[in-house]
Amino acid sequence: MGLDELRARLDSLLASQGLSNDRRAEASGLHAALVEFKVVVGTHREALAKAEHELSEERRQEVDAERRGRLAAEIGDAETVRIATEYTARHRERVLLLTRKVEVVRDELAYAEREYEALAARYQAARQGLGSAGAPATSDPADRELEAMKAKADREASQQAVQAQLEMLKKKLGKQ
């Protein structure tokens, strides 16, 4: 699920609740959104790591192509110099592209983390009874239920992250 889809879903969830005084429903909805955001942030972190690895590998290939061109020039092999120059240009162009990609993924990750933190603050306020109106509510036994829901949602988020990682590994190994 993309960040925009998640944001739209969150907006829809909060709009459907309106000014409801049902703290549990609000907290539950916010918690579900937090779990999904946690997965999105994890996905962005994985994408950043992958893009940085690709960039590193491409830079290494660019340096190798430049070195091969210099060595070929030293021995007077014009054809190898021409080919090495072509490959150096290709790798240089790819390095520029991947550099921009890493910057964009970093920006997306920072944005997702900021959104997650803002949502976490709203969730904490809802759990503490402040809700969207900002007025403190009375403490009731439902707080224990909220804690149990939070623990369950955290477990679900962990399971989803593990499942996503397992799927990625299966794809890498070609088992799917």
N, C-alpha and C. Protein backbone atom coordinates (compact mmCIF):
# COMPACT_ATOMS: atom_id res chain seq x y z
N MET A 1 0.86 -1.17 0.00
CA MET A 1 0.00 0.00 0.00
C MET A 1 0.90 1.22 0.00
N GLY A 2 0.60 2.15 -0.90
CA GLY A 2 1.40 3.35 -0.99
C GLY A 2 1.07 4.35 0.10
N LEU A 3 1.95 5.30 0.27
CA LEU A 3 1.78 6.31 1.30
C LEU A 3 0.54 7.16 1.04
N ASP A 4 0.28 7.49 -0.21
CA ASP A 4 -0.90 8.30 -0.54
C ASP A 4 -2.19 7.53 -0.24
N GLU A 5 -2.20 6.23 -0.58
CA GLU A 5 -3.38 5.42 -0.29
C GLU A 5 -3.62 5.33 1.21
N LEU A 6 -2.56 5.15 1.96
CA LEU A 6 -2.67 5.05 3.41
C LEU A 6 -3.16 6.36 3.99
N ARG A 7 -2.65 7.46 3.51
CA ARG A 7 -3.07 8.78 3.99
C ARG A 7 -4.55 9.02 3.69
N ALA A 8 -5.00 8.64 2.49
CA ALA A 8 -6.41 8.79 2.13
C ALA A 8 -7.29 7.92 3.01
N ARG A 9 -6.83 6.73 3.29
CA ARG A 9 -7.59 5.83 4.16
C ARG A 9 -7.69 6.39 5.57
N LEU A 10 -6.60 6.96 6.07
CA LEU A 10 -6.60 7.56 7.39
C LEU A 10 -7.56 8.75 7.44
N ASP A 11 -7.50 9.59 6.41
CA ASP A 11 -8.40 10.74 6.36
C ASP A 11 -9.86 10.29 6.33
N SER A 12 -10.13 9.24 5.57
CA SER A 12 -11.48 8.69 5.51
C SER A 12 -11.93 8.16 6.86
N LEU A 13 -11.03 7.45 7.54
CA LEU A 13 -11.34 6.90 8.85
C LEU A 13 -11.67 8.00 9.85
N LEU A 14 -10.85 9.03 9.87
CA LEU A 14 -11.06 10.11 10.82
C LEU A 14 -12.30 10.93 10.47
N ALA A 15 -12.58 11.10 9.18
CA ALA A 15 -13.76 11.84 8.78
C ALA A 15 -15.03 11.08 9.13
N SER A 16 -14.99 9.76 9.02
CA SER A 16 -16.19 8.97 9.33
C SER A 16 -16.50 8.98 10.81
N GLN A 17 -15.48 9.23 11.64
CA GLN A 17 -15.72 9.27 13.08
C GLN A 17 -16.25 10.62 13.52
N GLY A 18 -16.00 11.62 12.73
CA GLY A 18 -16.49 12.96 13.05
C GLY A 18 -16.05 13.40 14.43
N LEU A 19 -16.97 13.96 15.19
CA LEU A 19 -16.66 14.45 16.53
C LEU A 19 -17.15 13.45 17.58
N SER A 20 -17.05 12.19 17.27
CA SER A 20 -17.52 11.15 18.17
C SER A 20 -16.76 11.19 19.49
N ASN A 21 -17.46 10.91 20.55
CA ASN A 21 -16.83 10.87 21.87
C ASN A 21 -16.38 9.46 22.22
N ASP A 22 -16.49 8.54 21.31
CA ASP A 22 -16.10 7.16 21.57
C ASP A 22 -14.59 7.03 21.47
N ARG A 23 -13.94 7.16 22.62
CA ARG A 23 -12.47 7.13 22.65
C ARG A 23 -11.91 5.81 22.15
N ARG A 24 -12.58 4.74 22.52
CA ARG A 24 -12.07 3.42 22.12
C ARG A 24 -12.08 3.27 20.62
N ALA A 25 -13.14 3.67 19.97
CA ALA A 25 -13.23 3.55 18.52
C ALA A 25 -12.18 4.42 17.84
N GLU A 26 -12.02 5.62 18.35
CA GLU A 26 -11.03 6.53 17.77
C GLU A 26 -9.62 5.96 17.96
N ALA A 27 -9.33 5.52 19.17
CA ALA A 27 -8.01 4.96 19.45
C ALA A 27 -7.76 3.71 18.62
N SER A 28 -8.78 2.89 18.48
CA SER A 28 -8.64 1.68 17.69
C SER A 28 -8.34 2.01 16.22
N GLY A 29 -9.08 2.97 15.68
CA GLY A 29 -8.84 3.37 14.29
C GLY A 29 -7.46 3.97 14.10
N LEU A 30 -7.05 4.80 15.04
CA LEU A 30 -5.72 5.40 14.95
C LEU A 30 -4.64 4.33 15.08
N HIS A 31 -4.88 3.37 15.94
CA HIS A 31 -3.89 2.30 16.12
C HIS A 31 -3.75 1.46 14.86
N ALA A 32 -4.87 1.15 14.22
CA ALA A 32 -4.81 0.40 12.97
C ALA A 32 -4.01 1.18 11.92
N ALA A 33 -4.23 2.48 11.87
CA ALA A 33 -3.48 3.31 10.92
C ALA A 33 -2.00 3.33 11.28
N LEU A 34 -1.69 3.37 12.59
CA LEU A 34 -0.29 3.33 13.02
C LEU A 34 0.40 2.05 12.58
N VAL A 35 -0.30 0.94 12.71
CA VAL A 35 0.28 -0.34 12.30
C VAL A 35 0.61 -0.31 10.81
N GLU A 36 -0.32 0.19 10.02
CA GLU A 36 -0.08 0.27 8.58
C GLU A 36 1.07 1.23 8.26
N PHE A 37 1.13 2.36 8.96
CA PHE A 37 2.22 3.30 8.74
C PHE A 37 3.56 2.68 9.10
N LYS A 38 3.58 1.87 10.14
CA LYS A 38 4.82 1.21 10.55
C LYS A 38 5.33 0.32 9.43
N VAL A 39 4.42 -0.38 8.77
CA VAL A 39 4.81 -1.23 7.64
C VAL A 39 5.32 -0.38 6.48
N VAL A 40 4.64 0.74 6.21
CA VAL A 40 5.05 1.63 5.13
C VAL A 40 6.45 2.19 5.40
N VAL A 41 6.69 2.61 6.63
CA VAL A 41 8.01 3.15 6.98
C VAL A 41 9.08 2.07 6.80
N GLY A 42 8.77 0.85 7.22
CA GLY A 42 9.71 -0.26 7.04
C GLY A 42 10.00 -0.53 5.58
N THR A 43 8.98 -0.47 4.76
CA THR A 43 9.14 -0.67 3.32
C THR A 43 10.02 0.41 2.72
N HIS A 44 9.81 1.66 3.16
CA HIS A 44 10.64 2.77 2.67
C HIS A 44 12.10 2.59 3.10
N ARG A 45 12.30 2.12 4.31
CA ARG A 45 13.68 1.88 4.78
C ARG A 45 14.36 0.81 3.92
N GLU A 46 13.63 -0.25 3.61
CA GLU A 46 14.18 -1.30 2.76
C GLU A 46 14.49 -0.76 1.37
N ALA A 47 13.60 0.05 0.83
CA ALA A 47 13.82 0.64 -0.49
C ALA A 47 15.04 1.55 -0.49
N LEU A 48 15.23 2.29 0.59
CA LEU A 48 16.41 3.17 0.68
C LEU A 48 17.68 2.34 0.73
N ALA A 49 17.68 1.28 1.53
CA ALA A 49 18.87 0.42 1.62
C ALA A 49 19.19 -0.19 0.26
N LYS A 50 18.17 -0.62 -0.45
CA LYS A 50 18.38 -1.22 -1.77
C LYS A 50 18.93 -0.18 -2.75
N ALA A 51 18.35 1.01 -2.76
CA ALA A 51 18.80 2.06 -3.67
C ALA A 51 20.24 2.48 -3.36
N GLU A 52 20.58 2.57 -2.08
CA GLU A 52 21.95 2.93 -1.70
C GLU A 52 22.93 1.84 -2.14
N HIS A 53 22.52 0.58 -2.02
CA HIS A 53 23.38 -0.53 -2.46
C HIS A 53 23.58 -0.46 -3.98
N GLU A 54 22.50 -0.22 -4.72
CA GLU A 54 22.61 -0.10 -6.17
C GLU A 54 23.54 1.03 -6.56
N LEU A 55 23.43 2.16 -5.86
CA LEU A 55 24.28 3.31 -6.14
C LEU A 55 25.74 2.97 -5.88
N SER A 56 25.99 2.33 -4.77
CA SER A 56 27.36 1.93 -4.43
C SER A 56 27.95 1.00 -5.49
N GLU A 57 27.16 0.04 -5.91
CA GLU A 57 27.61 -0.91 -6.93
C GLU A 57 27.87 -0.21 -8.26
N GLU A 58 27.01 0.71 -8.63
CA GLU A 58 27.17 1.42 -9.90
C GLU A 58 28.42 2.32 -9.86
N ARG A 59 28.68 2.94 -8.72
CA ARG A 59 29.90 3.76 -8.59
C ARG A 59 31.14 2.89 -8.74
N ARG A 60 31.08 1.70 -8.16
CA ARG A 60 32.22 0.78 -8.28
C ARG A 60 32.44 0.41 -9.74
N GLN A 61 31.36 0.14 -10.47
CA GLN A 61 31.48 -0.21 -11.88
C GLN A 61 32.00 0.96 -12.71
N GLU A 62 31.61 2.17 -12.34
CA GLU A 62 32.11 3.35 -13.05
C GLU A 62 33.62 3.48 -12.86
N VAL A 63 34.07 3.31 -11.64
CA VAL A 63 35.51 3.40 -11.35
C VAL A 63 36.26 2.30 -12.11
N ASP A 64 35.70 1.09 -12.14
CA ASP A 64 36.34 -0.01 -12.87
C ASP A 64 36.46 0.31 -14.36
N ALA A 65 35.40 0.86 -14.94
CA ALA A 65 35.43 1.20 -16.37
C ALA A 65 36.47 2.28 -16.65
N GLU A 66 36.57 3.27 -15.77
CA GLU A 66 37.58 4.32 -15.94
C GLU A 66 38.99 3.72 -15.86
N ARG A 67 39.19 2.84 -14.91
CA ARG A 67 40.51 2.20 -14.73
C ARG A 67 40.87 1.38 -15.96
N ARG A 68 39.91 0.63 -16.48
CA ARG A 68 40.17 -0.18 -17.68
C ARG A 68 40.53 0.71 -18.87
N GLY A 69 39.86 1.85 -18.98
CA GLY A 69 40.17 2.78 -20.07
C GLY A 69 41.58 3.32 -19.96
N ARG A 70 41.98 3.68 -18.73
CA ARG A 70 43.35 4.19 -18.54
C ARG A 70 44.38 3.11 -18.88
N LEU A 71 44.12 1.89 -18.41
CA LEU A 71 45.07 0.79 -18.69
C LEU A 71 45.17 0.52 -20.19
N ALA A 72 44.04 0.55 -20.87
CA ALA A 72 44.04 0.32 -22.31
C ALA A 72 44.77 1.44 -23.04
N ALA A 73 44.63 2.67 -22.56
CA ALA A 73 45.33 3.81 -23.18
C ALA A 73 46.83 3.66 -23.00
N GLU A 74 47.24 3.14 -21.86
CA GLU A 74 48.68 2.96 -21.60
C GLU A 74 49.32 1.96 -22.55
N ILE A 75 48.55 0.96 -22.97
CA ILE A 75 49.12 -0.03 -23.88
C ILE A 75 48.77 0.24 -25.34
N GLY A 76 48.01 1.34 -25.57
CA GLY A 76 47.72 1.76 -26.94
C GLY A 76 46.59 0.97 -27.60
N ASP A 77 45.68 0.41 -26.85
CA ASP A 77 44.55 -0.35 -27.41
C ASP A 77 43.36 0.59 -27.60
N ALA A 78 43.25 1.16 -28.81
CA ALA A 78 42.24 2.18 -29.09
C ALA A 78 40.82 1.64 -28.98
N GLU A 79 40.59 0.42 -29.45
CA GLU A 79 39.24 -0.17 -29.39
C GLU A 79 38.78 -0.35 -27.96
N THR A 80 39.65 -0.85 -27.08
CA THR A 80 39.29 -1.04 -25.67
C THR A 80 39.09 0.31 -24.99
N VAL A 81 39.87 1.31 -25.37
CA VAL A 81 39.69 2.66 -24.82
C VAL A 81 38.31 3.19 -25.20
N ARG A 82 37.90 2.99 -26.46
CA ARG A 82 36.60 3.45 -26.93
C ARG A 82 35.47 2.75 -26.16
N ILE A 83 35.57 1.45 -26.00
CA ILE A 83 34.54 0.68 -25.28
C ILE A 83 34.50 1.10 -23.82
N ALA A 84 35.66 1.25 -23.21
CA ALA A 84 35.72 1.66 -21.80
C ALA A 84 35.12 3.05 -21.60
N THR A 85 35.36 3.93 -22.58
CA THR A 85 34.79 5.28 -22.50
C THR A 85 33.26 5.22 -22.58
N GLU A 86 32.74 4.36 -23.46
CA GLU A 86 31.29 4.19 -23.56
C GLU A 86 30.72 3.69 -22.23
N TYR A 87 31.34 2.67 -21.67
CA TYR A 87 30.84 2.11 -20.42
C TYR A 87 30.96 3.10 -19.26
N THR A 88 32.03 3.87 -19.26
CA THR A 88 32.19 4.88 -18.21
C THR A 88 31.06 5.90 -18.30
N ALA A 89 30.73 6.32 -19.51
CA ALA A 89 29.63 7.29 -19.68
C ALA A 89 28.30 6.69 -19.23
N ARG A 90 28.06 5.43 -19.58
CA ARG A 90 26.81 4.77 -19.16
C ARG A 90 26.73 4.69 -17.64
N HIS A 91 27.82 4.26 -17.02
CA HIS A 91 27.82 4.12 -15.56
C HIS A 91 27.68 5.48 -14.88
N ARG A 92 28.32 6.50 -15.44
CA ARG A 92 28.21 7.85 -14.88
C ARG A 92 26.77 8.34 -14.93
N GLU A 93 26.09 8.10 -16.05
CA GLU A 93 24.69 8.50 -16.19
C GLU A 93 23.82 7.73 -15.18
N ARG A 94 24.10 6.46 -15.03
CA ARG A 94 23.32 5.64 -14.07
C ARG A 94 23.58 6.09 -12.64
N VAL A 95 24.83 6.49 -12.32
CA VAL A 95 25.15 7.00 -10.98
C VAL A 95 24.34 8.26 -10.70
N LEU A 96 24.24 9.15 -11.67
CA LEU A 96 23.45 10.38 -11.49
C LEU A 96 21.98 10.05 -11.24
N LEU A 97 21.46 9.11 -12.00
CA LEU A 97 20.07 8.70 -11.85
C LEU A 97 19.83 8.08 -10.47
N LEU A 98 20.71 7.18 -10.06
CA LEU A 98 20.56 6.52 -8.76
C LEU A 98 20.75 7.49 -7.61
N THR A 99 21.60 8.49 -7.79
CA THR A 99 21.78 9.50 -6.75
C THR A 99 20.47 10.25 -6.52
N ARG A 100 19.81 10.62 -7.62
CA ARG A 100 18.51 11.28 -7.48
C ARG A 100 17.48 10.35 -6.83
N LYS A 101 17.52 9.09 -7.21
CA LYS A 101 16.59 8.12 -6.65
C LYS A 101 16.78 8.00 -5.14
N VAL A 102 18.02 7.91 -4.69
CA VAL A 102 18.31 7.81 -3.25
C VAL A 102 17.79 9.05 -2.53
N GLU A 103 18.00 10.21 -3.12
CA GLU A 103 17.50 11.45 -2.50
C GLU A 103 15.99 11.44 -2.37
N VAL A 104 15.29 10.99 -3.41
CA VAL A 104 13.83 10.95 -3.37
C VAL A 104 13.34 9.94 -2.34
N VAL A 105 13.95 8.78 -2.30
CA VAL A 105 13.53 7.77 -1.32
C VAL A 105 13.81 8.26 0.10
N ARG A 106 14.91 8.95 0.30
CA ARG A 106 15.19 9.53 1.62
C ARG A 106 14.11 10.54 2.01
N ASP A 107 13.73 11.38 1.06
CA ASP A 107 12.68 12.36 1.33
C ASP A 107 11.36 11.68 1.65
N GLU A 108 11.02 10.64 0.89
CA GLU A 108 9.78 9.90 1.16
C GLU A 108 9.81 9.26 2.54
N LEU A 109 10.97 8.70 2.91
CA LEU A 109 11.10 8.08 4.22
C LEU A 109 10.94 9.12 5.32
N ALA A 110 11.58 10.26 5.16
CA ALA A 110 11.46 11.32 6.16
C ALA A 110 10.01 11.78 6.29
N TYR A 111 9.33 11.92 5.16
CA TYR A 111 7.92 12.31 5.18
C TYR A 111 7.08 11.26 5.91
N ALA A 112 7.29 10.00 5.58
CA ALA A 112 6.52 8.92 6.22
C ALA A 112 6.80 8.88 7.72
N GLU A 113 8.04 9.10 8.11
CA GLU A 113 8.36 9.10 9.55
C GLU A 113 7.70 10.27 10.27
N ARG A 114 7.66 11.44 9.62
CA ARG A 114 6.98 12.59 10.23
C ARG A 114 5.49 12.32 10.37
N GLU A 115 4.90 11.74 9.34
CA GLU A 115 3.47 11.41 9.40
C GLU A 115 3.21 10.38 10.49
N TYR A 116 4.10 9.41 10.61
CA TYR A 116 3.94 8.38 11.65
C TYR A 116 4.00 9.02 13.04
N GLU A 117 4.96 9.91 13.25
CA GLU A 117 5.09 10.57 14.55
C GLU A 117 3.86 11.41 14.88
N ALA A 118 3.34 12.13 13.89
CA ALA A 118 2.14 12.93 14.12
C ALA A 118 0.95 12.04 14.46
N LEU A 119 0.83 10.94 13.76
CA LEU A 119 -0.25 10.00 14.03
C LEU A 119 -0.08 9.35 15.40
N ALA A 120 1.15 9.05 15.76
CA ALA A 120 1.42 8.45 17.08
C ALA A 120 1.02 9.42 18.18
N ALA A 121 1.28 10.70 17.98
CA ALA A 121 0.89 11.69 18.98
C ALA A 121 -0.63 11.77 19.09
N ARG A 122 -1.32 11.71 17.96
CA ARG A 122 -2.79 11.71 18.00
C ARG A 122 -3.32 10.47 18.71
N TYR A 123 -2.66 9.35 18.44
CA TYR A 123 -3.08 8.10 19.08
C TYR A 123 -2.88 8.19 20.59
N GLN A 124 -1.72 8.71 21.01
CA GLN A 124 -1.46 8.84 22.45
C GLN A 124 -2.49 9.77 23.10
N ALA A 125 -2.82 10.85 22.43
CA ALA A 125 -3.82 11.77 22.96
C ALA A 125 -5.17 11.08 23.09
N ALA A 126 -5.53 10.27 22.10
CA ALA A 126 -6.80 9.55 22.15
C ALA A 126 -6.79 8.52 23.27
N ARG A 127 -5.66 7.85 23.44
CA ARG A 127 -5.55 6.86 24.52
C ARG A 127 -5.65 7.50 25.89
N GLN A 128 -5.13 8.70 26.00
CA GLN A 128 -5.15 9.38 27.29
C GLN A 128 -6.46 10.10 27.54
N GLY A 129 -7.38 10.00 26.59
CA GLY A 129 -8.69 10.57 26.80
C GLY A 129 -8.84 11.99 26.31
N LEU A 130 -7.84 12.51 25.61
CA LEU A 130 -7.97 13.89 25.12
C LEU A 130 -8.80 13.94 23.86
N GLY A 131 -8.77 12.89 23.08
CA GLY A 131 -9.58 12.82 21.87
C GLY A 131 -9.31 13.97 20.94
N SER A 132 -10.17 14.14 19.97
CA SER A 132 -9.97 15.21 18.99
C SER A 132 -10.41 16.55 19.52
N ALA A 133 -11.26 16.58 20.56
CA ALA A 133 -11.73 17.85 21.11
C ALA A 133 -10.73 18.46 22.08
N GLY A 134 -9.80 17.65 22.59
CA GLY A 134 -8.79 18.17 23.49
C GLY A 134 -9.25 18.21 24.94
N ALA A 135 -10.42 17.73 25.24
CA ALA A 135 -10.92 17.75 26.61
C ALA A 135 -10.61 16.43 27.29
N PRO A 136 -10.04 16.46 28.48
CA PRO A 136 -9.72 15.22 29.15
C PRO A 136 -10.98 14.45 29.51
N ALA A 137 -10.91 13.16 29.34
CA ALA A 137 -12.05 12.31 29.70
C ALA A 137 -11.73 11.58 30.99
N THR A 138 -12.73 10.98 31.55
CA THR A 138 -12.53 10.27 32.80
C THR A 138 -11.86 8.93 32.53
N SER A 139 -11.09 8.48 33.48
CA SER A 139 -10.42 7.19 33.37
C SER A 139 -11.44 6.08 33.60
N ASP A 140 -11.35 5.03 32.77
CA ASP A 140 -12.29 3.92 32.94
C ASP A 140 -11.57 2.60 32.73
N PRO A 141 -12.19 1.48 33.03
CA PRO A 141 -11.54 0.18 32.89
C PRO A 141 -11.21 -0.18 31.44
N ALA A 142 -11.73 0.56 30.52
CA ALA A 142 -11.46 0.27 29.11
C ALA A 142 -10.00 0.52 28.75
N ASP A 143 -9.28 1.24 29.61
CA ASP A 143 -7.86 1.49 29.33
C ASP A 143 -7.08 0.18 29.23
N ARG A 144 -7.44 -0.78 30.07
CA ARG A 144 -6.76 -2.08 29.99
C ARG A 144 -7.04 -2.73 28.65
N GLU A 145 -8.26 -2.58 28.18
CA GLU A 145 -8.62 -3.14 26.88
C GLU A 145 -7.82 -2.46 25.77
N LEU A 146 -7.63 -1.16 25.89
CA LEU A 146 -6.83 -0.43 24.90
C LEU A 146 -5.39 -0.92 24.91
N GLU A 147 -4.86 -1.16 26.09
CA GLU A 147 -3.49 -1.68 26.19
C GLU A 147 -3.38 -3.03 25.51
N ALA A 148 -4.39 -3.88 25.74
CA ALA A 148 -4.39 -5.20 25.11
C ALA A 148 -4.48 -5.07 23.59
N MET A 149 -5.30 -4.12 23.13
CA MET A 149 -5.42 -3.89 21.69
C MET A 149 -4.10 -3.39 21.11
N LYS A 150 -3.43 -2.54 21.86
CA LYS A 150 -2.14 -2.01 21.40
C LYS A 150 -1.13 -3.14 21.28
N ALA A 151 -1.09 -3.99 22.29
CA ALA A 151 -0.15 -5.11 22.26
C ALA A 151 -0.46 -6.04 21.09
N LYS A 152 -1.75 -6.29 20.88
CA LYS A 152 -2.15 -7.15 19.76
C LYS A 152 -1.76 -6.51 18.42
N ALA A 153 -2.00 -5.21 18.29
CA ALA A 153 -1.67 -4.52 17.05
C ALA A 153 -0.15 -4.50 16.82
N ASP A 154 0.61 -4.33 17.90
CA ASP A 154 2.07 -4.38 17.77
C ASP A 154 2.53 -5.75 17.28
N ARG A 155 1.90 -6.79 17.84
CA ARG A 155 2.24 -8.15 17.39
C ARG A 155 1.87 -8.31 15.92
N GLU A 156 0.71 -7.80 15.53
CA GLU A 156 0.29 -7.89 14.13
C GLU A 156 1.25 -7.14 13.22
N ALA A 157 1.69 -5.98 13.66
CA ALA A 157 2.63 -5.20 12.85
C ALA A 157 3.93 -5.96 12.68
N SER A 158 4.39 -6.58 13.76
CA SER A 158 5.62 -7.37 13.68
C SER A 158 5.44 -8.55 12.74
N GLN A 159 4.29 -9.21 12.84
CA GLN A 159 4.03 -10.34 11.97
C GLN A 159 3.95 -9.90 10.52
N GLN A 160 3.34 -8.75 10.26
CA GLN A 160 3.25 -8.24 8.89
C GLN A 160 4.64 -7.91 8.36
N ALA A 161 5.46 -7.32 9.20
CA ALA A 161 6.82 -6.97 8.76
C ALA A 161 7.61 -8.24 8.46
N VAL A 162 7.47 -9.24 9.32
CA VAL A 162 8.17 -10.51 9.10
C VAL A 162 7.66 -11.15 7.82
N GLN A 163 6.35 -11.13 7.61
CA GLN A 163 5.76 -11.72 6.42
C GLN A 163 6.26 -11.00 5.16
N ALA A 164 6.32 -9.67 5.21
CA ALA A 164 6.80 -8.91 4.06
C ALA A 164 8.26 -9.24 3.77
N GLN A 165 9.05 -9.38 4.82
CA GLN A 165 10.45 -9.72 4.64
C GLN A 165 10.59 -11.14 4.08
N LEU A 166 9.76 -12.06 4.55
CA LEU A 166 9.78 -13.43 4.05
C LEU A 166 9.42 -13.46 2.57
N GLU A 167 8.41 -12.69 2.19
CA GLU A 167 8.02 -12.63 0.78
C GLU A 167 9.16 -12.09 -0.08
N MET A 168 9.84 -11.06 0.43
CA MET A 168 10.95 -10.49 -0.32
C MET A 168 12.06 -11.53 -0.49
N LEU A 169 12.36 -12.27 0.57
CA LEU A 169 13.40 -13.30 0.48
C LEU A 169 12.99 -14.41 -0.47
N LYS A 170 11.72 -14.79 -0.45
CA LYS A 170 11.25 -15.83 -1.37
C LYS A 170 11.43 -15.36 -2.81
N LYS A 171 11.10 -14.10 -3.07
CA LYS A 171 11.25 -13.58 -4.42
C LYS A 171 12.72 -13.57 -4.83
N LYS A 172 13.57 -13.19 -3.87
CA LYS A 172 15.02 -13.16 -4.15
C LYS A 172 15.53 -14.55 -4.51
N LEU A 173 15.03 -15.53 -3.78
CA LEU A 173 15.50 -16.90 -4.00
C LEU A 173 14.75 -17.58 -5.14
N GLY A 174 13.74 -16.91 -5.69
CA GLY A 174 13.02 -17.45 -6.83
C GLY A 174 12.07 -18.57 -6.47
N LYS A 175 11.54 -18.56 -5.29
CA LYS A 175 10.66 -19.64 -4.84
C LYS A 175 9.20 -19.28 -4.97
N GLN A 176 8.89 -18.21 -5.63
CA GLN A 176 7.49 -17.84 -5.74
C GLN A 176 7.07 -17.75 -7.17
